[in-house]
Amino acid sequence: MSTFRLFLFGCAFATICSPAHAQLTLLSNISANQAGGFSAGEIAAFDSVTDRLFVTSSGSNVHRVNIFDMANPSSITAVGTPVDFSTTFGAAVNMLSLSSVAVNSAKGFGVASLIPTANTTTLGKVGFFNLSTGAVIGTLDVGYHPDSVTFSPDGSKLVIVNEGEFSAGSANAPGSISILDISSINSGNHASLPGLTPITRDFTAANLGSGVSLSGIRNSNIAAVGTSGTFIASVPDFTNVANQDPNAIEPEFASVIGNKVFVSLQDNNAIGEYDLTTNQWTQITNLGTIAQTIDASDNTLPTISITQTVHGLPMPDTIATYTVASKTYVVTANEGDARADDRDMSRFGDIAGDDNMNPIIDPSFPVTQTGIRANGQQGRLDISRIDGDTNADGKIDRPTMIGTRSFTIWESTATGLVQQWDSGSFFENYIRDNDALGWVDGRSDNKGPEPEALAIGEIGGKTYAFIGMERTNGIFMFDITDPTQPTFVDFQRISTGNIPLRPEGMQFVSASDSPSGGPLLIVGFEGDGTASSERIVVFSVVPEPSTAGLLLLGGLALWKLRARRRRSC
């Protein structure tokens, strides 16, 4: 065989036998708790200057940010004194939660979102702290129930998403975002942070740009849904201004790209676009429904049957943005969410009690738990009482679940977001066929594996999405370089016996920012309140071999083959 032919053979051998895609490799799996803290691990933020990891810890009147040394990602250790915000609203009992944390490595400070117990009547705050010392810098008021904090990619803006979350027994508080201009802040003037004035914009008419309205947006307001007694028996018409309450819009998470902020309005099944130049909401896109084939029963393996076609409301929690060929794309993890009192939801098969579905569904459906409403079909599926009226008669013609058990890529256009791709039933099918433990909690009739956590990152010129399944503890990795044709890359599941771990937050760390010199994925697991289940997990992300790398492997295969031939002569 000629040397050239041997070379080609070696290249082909390497192409077939070498890994065909990137992969996640576990580096660390540690408890997110530190002494004296509770309920840690939901959200983690990595600082590339100090190589420290800052993790939310909130519960039992202790609300703080735990600090870990991540200089060696394979051996993470607790360091220093946690950043304590427990008495932000006076006595510790006056604080409900420290819900999120983010860091600005270039400016040397971090920020945490702080929610008072009286979350619908008292403004929330953000708290600032020094990344090197962990010292508290101060706080300032923002909107009601601040749920997440995000820095713009250039570090000049801090975006606080104020959910205004509904609380049973209280009037709605307005959801909003607060924008803080931090362009003047540097490592020498952190003391100025609490004196800055945020711009806060809710969803009242004055803050909506030309042509923008709430018409048609899902709106689970108190007037439409009620607060006690028999549930509503007629699907509200959300084009009717009487059914639209600006205070019932609940922002959840933000992603900043250029001068635009995209914000998930989870309970409202919409995404808002905010312009940082005009400080107005310039678009609100109703995400509509996506038809999915799911397992809608309470079955567990081996009787899982992913055969029921159901329309779902995406209702994304975490979102992320990226650009391809000058076009902006929004990636959504379609978790789904209902009001805290569930008065906008019932099981499709319910035929008695205050939430009896018979008065609100089309007469063509069985009035007994038979046919499509049988427990073995869609009877136990949680569906919306305020969606699914396709002919404007106030009755549900199309049973509609919350969440779609998928992730979706949308293109941002001049008229709103347009769906480009959806993962469909991939998650459920993969988990059924490859991850039997993923079905032990019987979530099929609720939100299935429940995709919630999301991060994206670029490696070697390719863009990857990482999606966490809250109920099955799995992490999926997809190549989304082509937003119209994503491909599955890898799957990892974290387990501690049968204890629920539940991935809540993710951060991708690029190779240039990583202490190991290679890209990392950091995942925070909210657990169930115990130190063993509330985890911080770090993966290395091994990129797909490049063509040059494959040629190198081919050359290596050639060298080894020739060496063997020489030894055998």
Protein backbone atom coordinates (compact mmCIF):
# COMPACT_ATOMS: atom_id res chain seq x y z
CA MET A 1 0.00 0.00 0.00
CA SER A 2 1.40 3.41 -0.97
CA THR A 3 2.14 6.04 1.65
CA PHE A 4 -0.61 8.29 0.21
CA ARG A 5 -3.16 5.48 0.31
CA LEU A 6 -2.09 4.67 3.84
CA PHE A 7 -2.61 8.34 4.74
CA LEU A 8 -6.15 8.33 3.29
CA PHE A 9 -6.89 5.09 5.11
CA GLY A 10 -5.62 6.60 8.34
CA CYS A 11 -7.82 9.69 7.91
CA ALA A 12 -10.89 7.55 7.23
CA PHE A 13 -10.08 5.35 10.24
CA ALA A 14 -9.79 8.36 12.51
CA THR A 15 -13.01 9.90 11.20
CA ILE A 16 -15.02 6.77 11.93
CA CYS A 17 -13.45 5.78 15.23
CA SER A 18 -12.90 9.17 16.88
CA PRO A 19 -15.73 10.94 18.79
CA ALA A 20 -18.20 12.45 16.31
CA HIS A 21 -19.37 15.26 18.58
CA ALA A 22 -18.63 17.37 21.63
CA GLN A 23 -19.35 15.88 25.02
CA LEU A 24 -19.88 16.72 28.68
CA THR A 25 -17.42 15.26 31.17
CA LEU A 26 -18.12 15.49 34.90
CA LEU A 27 -15.42 17.34 36.85
CA SER A 28 -17.06 18.16 40.20
CA ASN A 29 -20.22 17.36 42.12
CA ILE A 30 -20.28 19.09 45.51
CA SER A 31 -22.78 20.24 48.10
CA ALA A 32 -23.81 23.86 47.52
CA ASN A 33 -24.47 24.34 51.24
CA GLN A 34 -22.14 25.90 53.76
CA ALA A 35 -22.43 25.88 57.53
CA GLY A 36 -25.40 27.86 58.80
CA GLY A 37 -27.06 28.15 55.40
CA PHE A 38 -30.16 26.59 53.85
CA SER A 39 -31.56 25.75 50.42
CA ALA A 40 -28.43 26.50 48.43
CA GLY A 41 -27.44 25.88 44.85
CA GLU A 42 -30.21 27.21 42.61
CA ILE A 43 -28.20 29.93 40.86
CA ALA A 44 -24.42 30.13 40.54
CA ALA A 45 -22.26 32.85 38.98
CA PHE A 46 -18.57 32.46 38.15
CA ASP A 47 -16.04 35.31 38.37
CA SER A 48 -13.17 34.83 35.93
CA VAL A 49 -10.89 37.29 37.77
CA THR A 50 -10.96 35.73 41.24
CA ASP A 51 -11.85 32.20 40.00
CA ARG A 52 -14.61 32.24 42.58
CA LEU A 53 -18.12 30.83 42.34
CA PHE A 54 -20.97 32.75 43.98
CA VAL A 55 -24.05 30.66 44.83
CA THR A 56 -27.50 31.61 46.13
CA SER A 57 -28.48 30.24 49.55
CA SER A 58 -31.89 31.21 50.88
CA GLY A 59 -34.21 29.71 53.49
CA SER A 60 -35.14 29.63 57.19
CA ASN A 61 -34.46 33.37 57.55
CA VAL A 62 -30.91 33.01 56.22
CA HIS A 63 -30.44 34.73 52.87
CA ARG A 64 -26.91 34.95 51.56
CA VAL A 65 -24.45 34.22 48.76
CA ASN A 66 -22.06 31.34 49.43
CA ILE A 67 -18.53 31.64 48.02
CA PHE A 68 -16.43 28.81 46.57
CA ASP A 69 -12.89 28.65 45.18
CA MET A 70 -13.00 27.19 41.67
CA ALA A 71 -9.36 27.72 40.65
CA ASN A 72 -9.27 23.96 40.22
CA PRO A 73 -12.66 23.00 38.73
CA SER A 74 -12.07 19.39 39.73
CA SER A 75 -11.68 20.31 43.39
CA ILE A 76 -14.02 23.12 44.46
CA THR A 77 -13.78 24.35 48.05
CA ALA A 78 -15.69 26.79 50.23
CA VAL A 79 -13.85 30.02 51.01
CA GLY A 80 -14.35 33.09 53.14
CA THR A 81 -17.49 34.33 54.83
CA PRO A 82 -20.74 34.21 52.81
CA VAL A 83 -22.26 37.50 51.67
CA ASP A 84 -25.18 37.94 54.06
CA PHE A 85 -28.30 39.95 53.11
CA SER A 86 -30.65 38.39 55.70
CA THR A 87 -31.54 41.68 57.42
CA THR A 88 -32.03 43.73 54.24
CA PHE A 89 -35.69 44.44 55.11
CA GLY A 90 -35.11 44.81 58.84
CA ALA A 91 -35.67 41.57 60.74
CA ALA A 92 -34.76 38.40 58.85
CA VAL A 93 -38.39 37.28 58.95
CA ASN A 94 -39.24 40.20 56.64
CA MET A 95 -37.26 38.66 53.77
CA LEU A 96 -38.75 35.98 51.55
CA SER A 97 -35.87 35.03 49.29
CA LEU A 98 -32.53 35.82 47.71
CA SER A 99 -33.49 34.59 44.26
CA SER A 100 -30.59 35.20 41.89
CA VAL A 101 -26.96 36.28 41.63
CA ALA A 102 -24.75 37.64 38.83
CA VAL A 103 -21.21 39.00 38.65
CA ASN A 104 -19.47 41.71 36.67
CA SER A 105 -15.87 40.51 36.53
CA ALA A 106 -14.55 43.59 34.75
CA LYS A 107 -15.92 45.95 37.41
CA GLY A 108 -15.26 43.69 40.40
CA PHE A 109 -18.71 43.49 41.95
CA GLY A 110 -21.64 41.11 42.15
CA VAL A 111 -25.36 41.61 42.57
CA ALA A 112 -28.16 39.61 44.19
CA SER A 113 -31.93 40.02 43.86
CA LEU A 114 -33.72 40.35 47.21
CA ILE A 115 -37.46 39.71 47.73
CA PRO A 116 -39.38 40.90 50.81
CA THR A 117 -41.97 38.72 52.52
CA ALA A 118 -44.60 41.34 51.63
CA ASN A 119 -43.68 40.83 47.98
CA THR A 120 -46.76 42.46 46.45
CA THR A 121 -46.78 45.60 48.61
CA THR A 122 -43.10 46.28 49.33
CA LEU A 123 -40.56 47.00 46.62
CA GLY A 124 -37.79 44.47 46.16
CA LYS A 125 -34.12 45.35 46.22
CA VAL A 126 -30.82 44.40 44.67
CA GLY A 127 -27.77 44.02 46.87
CA PHE A 128 -24.19 44.67 45.75
CA PHE A 129 -21.02 43.00 47.03
CA ASN A 130 -17.28 43.06 46.33
CA LEU A 131 -16.04 39.99 44.44
CA SER A 132 -12.58 39.98 46.02
CA THR A 133 -13.57 40.51 49.66
CA GLY A 134 -17.21 39.41 49.76
CA ALA A 135 -18.06 42.65 51.59
CA VAL A 136 -21.58 44.02 51.20
CA ILE A 137 -21.54 47.35 49.34
CA GLY A 138 -25.19 48.30 49.77
CA THR A 139 -28.68 47.93 48.29
CA LEU A 140 -31.19 49.90 46.24
CA ASP A 141 -34.92 49.62 45.48
CA VAL A 142 -36.15 48.15 42.20
CA GLY A 143 -39.56 46.66 41.28
CA TYR A 144 -41.82 44.12 42.96
CA HIS A 145 -40.49 40.59 43.47
CA PRO A 146 -37.14 40.85 41.61
CA ASP A 147 -36.56 37.34 40.26
CA SER A 148 -33.42 37.48 38.11
CA VAL A 149 -30.45 39.74 37.43
CA THR A 150 -28.48 39.94 34.18
CA PHE A 151 -25.57 42.07 32.97
CA SER A 152 -25.41 43.24 29.37
CA PRO A 153 -22.56 41.59 27.45
CA ASP A 154 -20.56 44.84 27.45
CA GLY A 155 -21.03 45.21 31.22
CA SER A 156 -22.55 48.69 30.99
CA LYS A 157 -26.09 47.79 32.05
CA LEU A 158 -27.64 45.74 34.80
CA VAL A 159 -31.10 44.35 34.01
CA ILE A 160 -33.32 43.31 36.91
CA VAL A 161 -36.44 41.31 36.06
CA ASN A 162 -39.19 42.09 38.59
CA GLU A 163 -41.71 39.27 38.35
CA GLY A 164 -44.44 40.86 40.45
CA GLU A 165 -45.40 37.26 41.25
CA PHE A 166 -49.01 36.62 42.19
CA SER A 167 -49.57 35.73 45.83
CA ALA A 168 -52.85 34.24 46.99
CA GLY A 169 -54.85 36.72 49.05
CA SER A 170 -53.08 39.77 47.63
CA ALA A 171 -53.79 42.16 44.79
CA ASN A 172 -51.55 41.83 41.76
CA ALA A 173 -48.33 43.83 41.90
CA PRO A 174 -46.95 45.07 38.57
CA GLY A 175 -44.28 43.02 36.86
CA SER A 176 -41.53 45.12 35.31
CA ILE A 177 -37.85 45.39 34.47
CA SER A 178 -35.40 47.79 36.04
CA ILE A 179 -32.41 49.06 34.06
CA LEU A 180 -29.36 50.35 35.91
CA ASP A 181 -26.68 52.23 33.97
CA ILE A 182 -23.37 51.15 35.51
CA SER A 183 -21.08 52.49 32.78
CA SER A 184 -19.48 54.92 35.27
CA ILE A 185 -18.70 52.22 37.83
CA ASN A 186 -15.18 50.85 38.22
CA SER A 187 -13.23 48.98 40.88
CA GLY A 188 -12.52 52.23 42.71
CA ASN A 189 -16.04 53.64 43.14
CA HIS A 190 -18.23 50.70 44.19
CA ALA A 191 -19.66 52.87 46.95
CA SER A 192 -21.56 54.78 44.25
CA LEU A 193 -23.68 51.75 43.31
CA PRO A 194 -26.45 52.15 45.94
CA GLY A 195 -26.86 55.79 44.87
CA LEU A 196 -27.64 55.03 41.23
CA THR A 197 -31.22 55.45 40.01
CA PRO A 198 -32.75 52.60 38.03
CA ILE A 199 -35.25 53.05 35.21
CA THR A 200 -38.23 50.78 35.98
CA ARG A 201 -40.84 50.02 33.32
CA ASP A 202 -43.98 47.96 33.86
CA PHE A 203 -46.60 47.08 31.22
CA THR A 204 -48.97 50.00 31.55
CA ALA A 205 -49.83 51.82 28.31
CA ALA A 206 -47.30 54.64 28.87
CA ASN A 207 -44.42 52.15 28.68
CA LEU A 208 -45.58 50.39 25.49
CA GLY A 209 -44.15 51.53 22.17
CA SER A 210 -46.24 52.46 19.16
CA GLY A 211 -48.57 49.64 18.11
CA VAL A 212 -47.75 47.48 21.15
CA SER A 213 -50.62 46.23 23.31
CA LEU A 214 -51.56 43.39 25.64
CA SER A 215 -54.46 42.36 23.41
CA GLY A 216 -54.58 38.58 23.02
CA ILE A 217 -51.86 37.92 25.63
CA ARG A 218 -52.68 35.18 28.15
CA ASN A 219 -53.52 37.00 31.36
CA SER A 220 -54.43 35.03 34.48
CA ASN A 221 -55.68 38.07 36.36
CA ILE A 222 -57.85 37.92 39.45
CA ALA A 223 -60.93 39.37 37.75
CA ALA A 224 -60.90 36.72 35.03
CA VAL A 225 -60.03 33.71 37.19
CA GLY A 226 -61.34 34.54 40.66
CA THR A 227 -59.84 33.64 44.00
CA SER A 228 -62.22 31.16 45.66
CA GLY A 229 -65.23 28.92 45.16
CA THR A 230 -66.27 27.33 41.88
CA PHE A 231 -63.74 27.73 39.10
CA ILE A 232 -64.60 29.73 36.00
CA ALA A 233 -66.86 28.01 33.47
CA SER A 234 -66.10 30.18 30.46
CA VAL A 235 -62.75 30.76 28.75
CA PRO A 236 -61.90 34.48 28.98
CA ASP A 237 -61.48 36.49 25.79
CA PHE A 238 -58.12 38.18 26.20
CA THR A 239 -58.73 40.54 23.30
CA ASN A 240 -61.30 42.13 25.62
CA VAL A 241 -59.64 44.98 27.50
CA ALA A 242 -61.74 44.14 30.57
CA ASN A 243 -59.84 40.87 30.87
CA GLN A 244 -56.41 42.47 30.55
CA ASP A 245 -54.64 43.56 33.72
CA PRO A 246 -51.15 45.05 33.15
CA ASN A 247 -50.33 44.07 36.73
CA ALA A 248 -50.83 40.37 35.84
CA ILE A 249 -47.88 40.34 33.41
CA GLU A 250 -45.08 38.38 35.09
CA PRO A 251 -41.56 38.71 33.63
CA GLU A 252 -39.21 35.89 34.51
CA PHE A 253 -35.79 36.07 32.81
CA ALA A 254 -33.88 38.42 30.51
CA SER A 255 -31.25 38.10 27.80
CA VAL A 256 -29.52 41.19 26.43
CA ILE A 257 -28.24 41.43 22.88
CA GLY A 258 -27.18 44.78 21.41
CA ASN A 259 -29.63 47.45 22.55
CA LYS A 260 -32.45 44.93 22.96
CA VAL A 261 -33.56 43.04 26.03
CA PHE A 262 -35.67 39.94 25.46
CA VAL A 263 -37.73 39.00 28.51
CA SER A 264 -39.70 35.81 29.09
CA LEU A 265 -43.23 36.53 30.36
CA GLN A 266 -43.71 32.98 31.52
CA ASP A 267 -47.22 32.87 32.98
CA ASN A 268 -48.44 34.95 30.04
CA ASN A 269 -46.92 32.65 27.39
CA ALA A 270 -45.16 35.57 25.73
CA ILE A 271 -41.79 37.22 25.22
CA GLY A 272 -41.35 40.96 25.52
CA GLU A 273 -38.74 42.99 23.65
CA TYR A 274 -37.45 46.09 25.40
CA ASP A 275 -35.42 48.83 23.72
CA LEU A 276 -32.58 50.20 25.87
CA THR A 277 -32.48 53.36 23.75
CA THR A 278 -36.15 54.37 23.98
CA ASN A 279 -36.79 52.60 27.31
CA GLN A 280 -40.05 51.18 26.02
CA TRP A 281 -41.49 47.76 25.28
CA THR A 282 -41.28 47.57 21.49
CA GLN A 283 -42.83 44.12 20.97
CA ILE A 284 -44.78 41.53 22.93
CA THR A 285 -45.02 38.22 21.08
CA ASN A 286 -47.76 35.74 21.95
CA LEU A 287 -46.03 32.36 21.63
CA GLY A 288 -49.25 30.52 20.85
CA THR A 289 -49.27 26.73 21.09
CA ILE A 290 -47.09 23.91 19.78
CA ALA A 291 -48.56 20.46 19.14
CA GLN A 292 -46.51 17.74 20.82
CA THR A 293 -46.69 13.97 21.08
CA ILE A 294 -46.32 13.12 24.77
CA ASP A 295 -46.99 10.60 27.49
CA ALA A 296 -50.00 12.14 29.25
CA SER A 297 -50.66 9.41 31.81
CA ASP A 298 -49.21 8.45 35.18
CA ASN A 299 -47.54 5.42 33.67
CA THR A 300 -43.99 4.46 34.56
CA LEU A 301 -41.61 2.16 32.74
CA PRO A 302 -42.03 -0.22 31.04
CA THR A 303 -45.53 1.01 30.10
CA ILE A 304 -44.59 4.54 29.00
CA SER A 305 -46.53 5.34 25.83
CA ILE A 306 -45.59 8.58 24.05
CA THR A 307 -48.59 8.61 21.74
CA GLN A 308 -50.93 11.39 22.87
CA THR A 309 -50.91 14.53 20.71
CA VAL A 310 -51.57 17.61 22.82
CA HIS A 311 -51.16 21.33 22.20
CA GLY A 312 -48.92 23.05 24.71
CA LEU A 313 -48.17 26.62 25.75
CA PRO A 314 -44.36 27.11 25.61
CA MET A 315 -44.34 29.40 28.67
CA PRO A 316 -40.53 29.61 28.77
CA ASP A 317 -38.58 30.20 31.95
CA THR A 318 -34.94 30.72 30.98
CA ILE A 319 -34.15 32.23 27.59
CA ALA A 320 -30.92 33.02 25.73
CA THR A 321 -30.04 34.92 22.56
CA TYR A 322 -27.43 34.62 19.81
CA THR A 323 -26.83 35.85 16.27
CA VAL A 324 -26.29 34.05 12.99
CA ALA A 325 -25.63 35.98 9.77
CA SER A 326 -26.78 39.26 11.40
CA LYS A 327 -30.07 37.70 12.52
CA THR A 328 -31.04 37.47 16.18
CA TYR A 329 -32.39 34.21 17.59
CA VAL A 330 -34.05 33.55 20.94
CA VAL A 331 -33.71 30.13 22.54
CA THR A 332 -36.38 29.14 25.06
CA ALA A 333 -36.65 26.32 27.63
CA ASN A 334 -40.39 25.66 27.63
CA GLU A 335 -41.07 24.75 31.26
CA GLY A 336 -44.66 25.99 31.66
CA ASP A 337 -46.09 27.61 34.77
CA ALA A 338 -49.46 28.18 36.44
CA ARG A 339 -50.75 30.61 39.03
CA ALA A 340 -49.64 29.87 42.56
CA ASP A 341 -53.20 28.85 43.49
CA ASP A 342 -53.68 26.77 40.28
CA ARG A 343 -57.05 28.38 39.61
CA ASP A 344 -56.19 28.55 35.92
CA MET A 345 -55.60 24.77 35.78
CA SER A 346 -57.51 21.48 36.17
CA ARG A 347 -57.06 17.86 35.23
CA PHE A 348 -58.80 17.16 31.93
CA GLY A 349 -60.69 14.24 33.47
CA ASP A 350 -62.03 16.09 36.53
CA ILE A 351 -65.84 15.66 36.69
CA ALA A 352 -66.64 16.83 40.24
CA GLY A 353 -65.78 19.55 42.72
CA ASP A 354 -65.06 23.25 42.21
CA ASP A 355 -62.71 22.52 39.29
CA ASN A 356 -65.13 20.22 37.41
CA MET A 357 -64.16 20.47 33.75
CA ASN A 358 -67.58 19.56 32.33
CA PRO A 359 -69.02 23.12 32.37
CA ILE A 360 -66.00 24.53 30.52
CA ILE A 361 -65.27 21.94 27.80
CA ASP A 362 -66.96 21.53 24.44
CA PRO A 363 -69.97 19.15 24.56
CA SER A 364 -68.27 16.87 22.04
CA PHE A 365 -65.98 15.59 24.82
CA PRO A 366 -67.21 12.80 27.11
CA VAL A 367 -68.74 14.01 30.38
CA THR A 368 -67.40 10.90 32.11
CA GLN A 369 -63.83 9.70 32.55
CA THR A 370 -63.93 7.70 29.34
CA GLY A 371 -62.37 7.98 25.90
CA ILE A 372 -59.86 10.80 25.68
CA ARG A 373 -60.70 11.76 29.29
CA ALA A 374 -59.79 8.36 30.70
CA ASN A 375 -56.85 8.23 33.10
CA GLY A 376 -54.91 6.03 30.69
CA GLN A 377 -55.18 8.71 27.98
CA GLN A 378 -55.40 12.42 28.82
CA GLY A 379 -57.69 12.34 31.85
CA ARG A 380 -54.95 13.06 34.39
CA LEU A 381 -53.22 15.68 32.26
CA ASP A 382 -53.18 19.17 33.77
CA ILE A 383 -54.66 21.57 31.23
CA SER A 384 -55.47 25.27 31.20
CA ARG A 385 -58.97 26.55 31.95
CA ILE A 386 -58.23 29.85 30.23
CA ASP A 387 -56.85 28.56 26.91
CA GLY A 388 -58.05 26.30 24.12
CA ASP A 389 -61.21 28.08 22.93
CA THR A 390 -60.72 27.98 19.14
CA ASN A 391 -64.17 29.22 18.08
CA ALA A 392 -64.83 32.01 20.61
CA ASP A 393 -67.78 30.27 22.31
CA GLY A 394 -66.18 30.27 25.77
CA LYS A 395 -65.67 26.49 25.76
CA ILE A 396 -62.43 24.52 25.45
CA ASP A 397 -62.25 22.85 22.03
CA ARG A 398 -58.52 22.07 22.18
CA PRO A 399 -57.17 20.82 25.52
CA THR A 400 -53.98 22.79 26.16
CA MET A 401 -51.24 21.83 28.59
CA ILE A 402 -48.73 24.22 30.13
CA GLY A 403 -45.21 23.83 28.84
CA THR A 404 -44.29 21.88 25.72
CA ARG A 405 -41.61 19.56 27.15
CA SER A 406 -39.23 20.97 24.55
CA PHE A 407 -36.89 23.81 23.71
CA THR A 408 -37.51 26.16 20.81
CA ILE A 409 -35.50 28.54 18.63
CA TRP A 410 -37.26 31.69 17.44
CA GLU A 411 -36.08 34.33 14.96
CA SER A 412 -36.54 37.95 15.95
CA THR A 413 -38.26 39.85 13.14
CA ALA A 414 -39.75 43.30 12.73
CA THR A 415 -43.19 41.90 13.55
CA GLY A 416 -42.24 39.63 16.43
CA LEU A 417 -40.70 36.23 17.07
CA VAL A 418 -41.12 33.49 14.46
CA GLN A 419 -40.55 29.85 15.38
CA GLN A 420 -37.68 28.29 13.44
CA TRP A 421 -37.30 24.94 15.21
CA ASP A 422 -38.64 22.94 18.15
CA SER A 423 -37.26 19.78 19.75
CA GLY A 424 -40.71 18.16 19.86
CA SER A 425 -40.90 14.94 21.87
CA PHE A 426 -37.14 14.32 21.73
CA PHE A 427 -36.56 14.78 25.47
CA GLU A 428 -39.30 12.37 26.54
CA ASN A 429 -38.35 9.75 23.98
CA TYR A 430 -34.66 9.92 24.83
CA ILE A 431 -35.28 9.70 28.57
CA ARG A 432 -37.69 6.79 28.15
CA ASP A 433 -35.23 4.84 26.01
CA ASN A 434 -31.97 5.73 27.77
CA ASP A 435 -32.66 6.92 31.32
CA ALA A 436 -35.10 4.72 33.24
CA LEU A 437 -34.57 6.59 36.53
CA GLY A 438 -35.87 9.71 34.85
CA TRP A 439 -39.43 8.41 35.15
CA VAL A 440 -39.54 7.49 38.81
CA ASP A 441 -41.42 10.62 39.96
CA GLY A 442 -44.46 10.13 37.70
CA ARG A 443 -44.48 13.60 36.16
CA SER A 444 -45.87 12.49 32.81
CA ASP A 445 -49.32 13.95 33.52
CA ASN A 446 -47.92 17.29 34.67
CA LYS A 447 -45.01 18.85 32.78
CA GLY A 448 -43.02 15.76 31.91
CA PRO A 449 -39.24 16.17 32.29
CA GLU A 450 -39.81 19.95 32.60
CA PRO A 451 -37.04 21.75 30.68
CA GLU A 452 -36.10 24.81 32.70
CA ALA A 453 -32.39 25.59 32.98
CA LEU A 454 -30.69 26.87 29.82
CA ALA A 455 -27.31 28.21 28.74
CA ILE A 456 -25.63 28.67 25.40
CA GLY A 457 -21.95 28.98 24.52
CA GLU A 458 -19.60 29.06 21.58
CA ILE A 459 -16.81 26.52 21.15
CA GLY A 460 -14.59 26.39 18.09
CA GLY A 461 -16.92 28.50 15.98
CA LYS A 462 -19.99 26.43 16.87
CA THR A 463 -22.85 27.43 19.17
CA TYR A 464 -24.18 24.94 21.68
CA ALA A 465 -27.28 24.92 23.86
CA PHE A 466 -27.42 23.17 27.23
CA ILE A 467 -30.89 22.37 28.59
CA GLY A 468 -31.62 21.07 32.09
CA MET A 469 -34.60 18.83 32.89
CA GLU A 470 -35.89 19.94 36.28
CA ARG A 471 -37.78 16.73 37.07
CA THR A 472 -35.38 14.12 35.71
CA ASN A 473 -32.02 15.76 36.52
CA GLY A 474 -30.76 15.35 32.97
CA ILE A 475 -28.62 17.79 30.98
CA PHE A 476 -28.97 17.77 27.19
CA MET A 477 -26.46 19.34 24.82
CA PHE A 478 -27.37 20.44 21.28
CA ASP A 479 -25.42 22.01 18.45
CA ILE A 480 -27.56 25.03 17.45
CA THR A 481 -25.08 26.62 15.05
CA ASP A 482 -27.75 26.29 12.36
CA PRO A 483 -30.90 27.54 14.14
CA THR A 484 -33.13 25.69 11.68
CA GLN A 485 -31.38 22.31 12.05
CA PRO A 486 -30.01 21.76 15.58
CA THR A 487 -28.48 18.38 16.32
CA PHE A 488 -28.31 16.36 19.51
CA VAL A 489 -24.80 16.12 20.96
CA ASP A 490 -24.73 14.61 24.45
CA PHE A 491 -26.71 13.77 27.59
CA GLN A 492 -25.66 13.51 31.23
CA ARG A 493 -27.72 12.79 34.32
CA ILE A 494 -26.76 13.62 37.90
CA SER A 495 -28.19 11.35 40.58
CA THR A 496 -27.86 10.82 44.32
CA GLY A 497 -30.02 7.77 44.82
CA ASN A 498 -33.64 8.80 44.36
CA ILE A 499 -33.19 12.25 45.89
CA PRO A 500 -34.50 15.01 43.60
CA LEU A 501 -31.71 17.29 42.42
CA ARG A 502 -33.55 19.46 39.85
CA PRO A 503 -31.22 21.63 37.72
CA GLU A 504 -32.29 25.25 38.15
CA GLY A 505 -29.54 27.48 36.77
CA MET A 506 -26.65 27.12 34.34
CA GLN A 507 -23.63 29.16 33.32
CA PHE A 508 -21.35 28.47 30.38
CA VAL A 509 -17.72 29.51 30.89
CA SER A 510 -15.67 30.04 27.76
CA ALA A 511 -12.16 28.63 27.43
CA SER A 512 -10.69 32.14 27.66
CA ASP A 513 -12.39 32.72 31.04
CA SER A 514 -11.96 29.22 32.40
CA PRO A 515 -9.41 28.41 35.13
CA SER A 516 -8.77 25.08 33.38
CA GLY A 517 -8.21 26.64 29.97
CA GLY A 518 -11.13 24.68 28.52
CA PRO A 519 -14.86 25.50 28.33
CA LEU A 520 -16.98 24.59 31.35
CA LEU A 521 -20.67 24.22 32.17
CA ILE A 522 -21.70 25.05 35.75
CA VAL A 523 -25.08 23.72 36.90
CA GLY A 524 -26.91 24.63 40.09
CA PHE A 525 -29.35 22.05 41.48
CA GLU A 526 -32.07 23.26 43.85
CA GLY A 527 -32.61 19.86 45.51
CA ASP A 528 -35.16 19.33 48.27
CA GLY A 529 -33.69 21.29 51.17
CA THR A 530 -30.95 18.86 52.14
CA ALA A 531 -27.21 19.31 51.79
CA SER A 532 -26.91 16.06 49.84
CA SER A 533 -29.40 17.07 47.14
CA GLU A 534 -28.52 20.74 46.67
CA ARG A 535 -25.49 20.55 44.44
CA ILE A 536 -23.07 22.47 42.29
CA VAL A 537 -21.95 20.38 39.35
CA VAL A 538 -19.21 21.34 36.90
CA PHE A 539 -18.69 19.71 33.51
CA SER A 540 -15.88 20.19 31.07
CA VAL A 541 -17.12 20.55 27.51
CA VAL A 542 -14.95 18.70 25.04
CA PRO A 543 -15.41 20.25 21.60
CA GLU A 544 -16.04 18.34 18.40
CA PRO A 545 -12.80 17.41 16.64
CA SER A 546 -12.02 19.79 13.80
CA THR A 547 -11.11 18.66 10.32
CA ALA A 548 -7.50 19.47 11.12
CA GLY A 549 -7.76 17.43 14.27
CA LEU A 550 -9.17 14.49 12.36
CA LEU A 551 -6.33 14.74 9.87
CA LEU A 552 -3.90 14.75 12.77
CA LEU A 553 -5.58 11.65 14.17
CA GLY A 554 -5.42 10.15 10.70
CA GLY A 555 -1.71 10.86 10.54
CA LEU A 556 -1.30 9.26 13.96
CA ALA A 557 -3.22 6.19 12.81
CA LEU A 558 -0.93 6.03 9.75
CA TRP A 559 2.20 6.30 11.90
CA LYS A 560 1.02 3.50 14.21
CA LEU A 561 0.08 1.31 11.26
CA ARG A 562 3.47 1.79 9.60
CA ALA A 563 5.19 1.11 12.94
CA ARG A 564 3.32 -2.15 13.33
CA ARG A 565 4.26 -3.15 9.78
CA ARG A 566 7.93 -2.44 10.49
CA ARG A 567 7.81 -4.50 13.70
CA SER A 568 6.20 -7.42 11.87
CA CYS A 569 8.85 -7.49 9.13
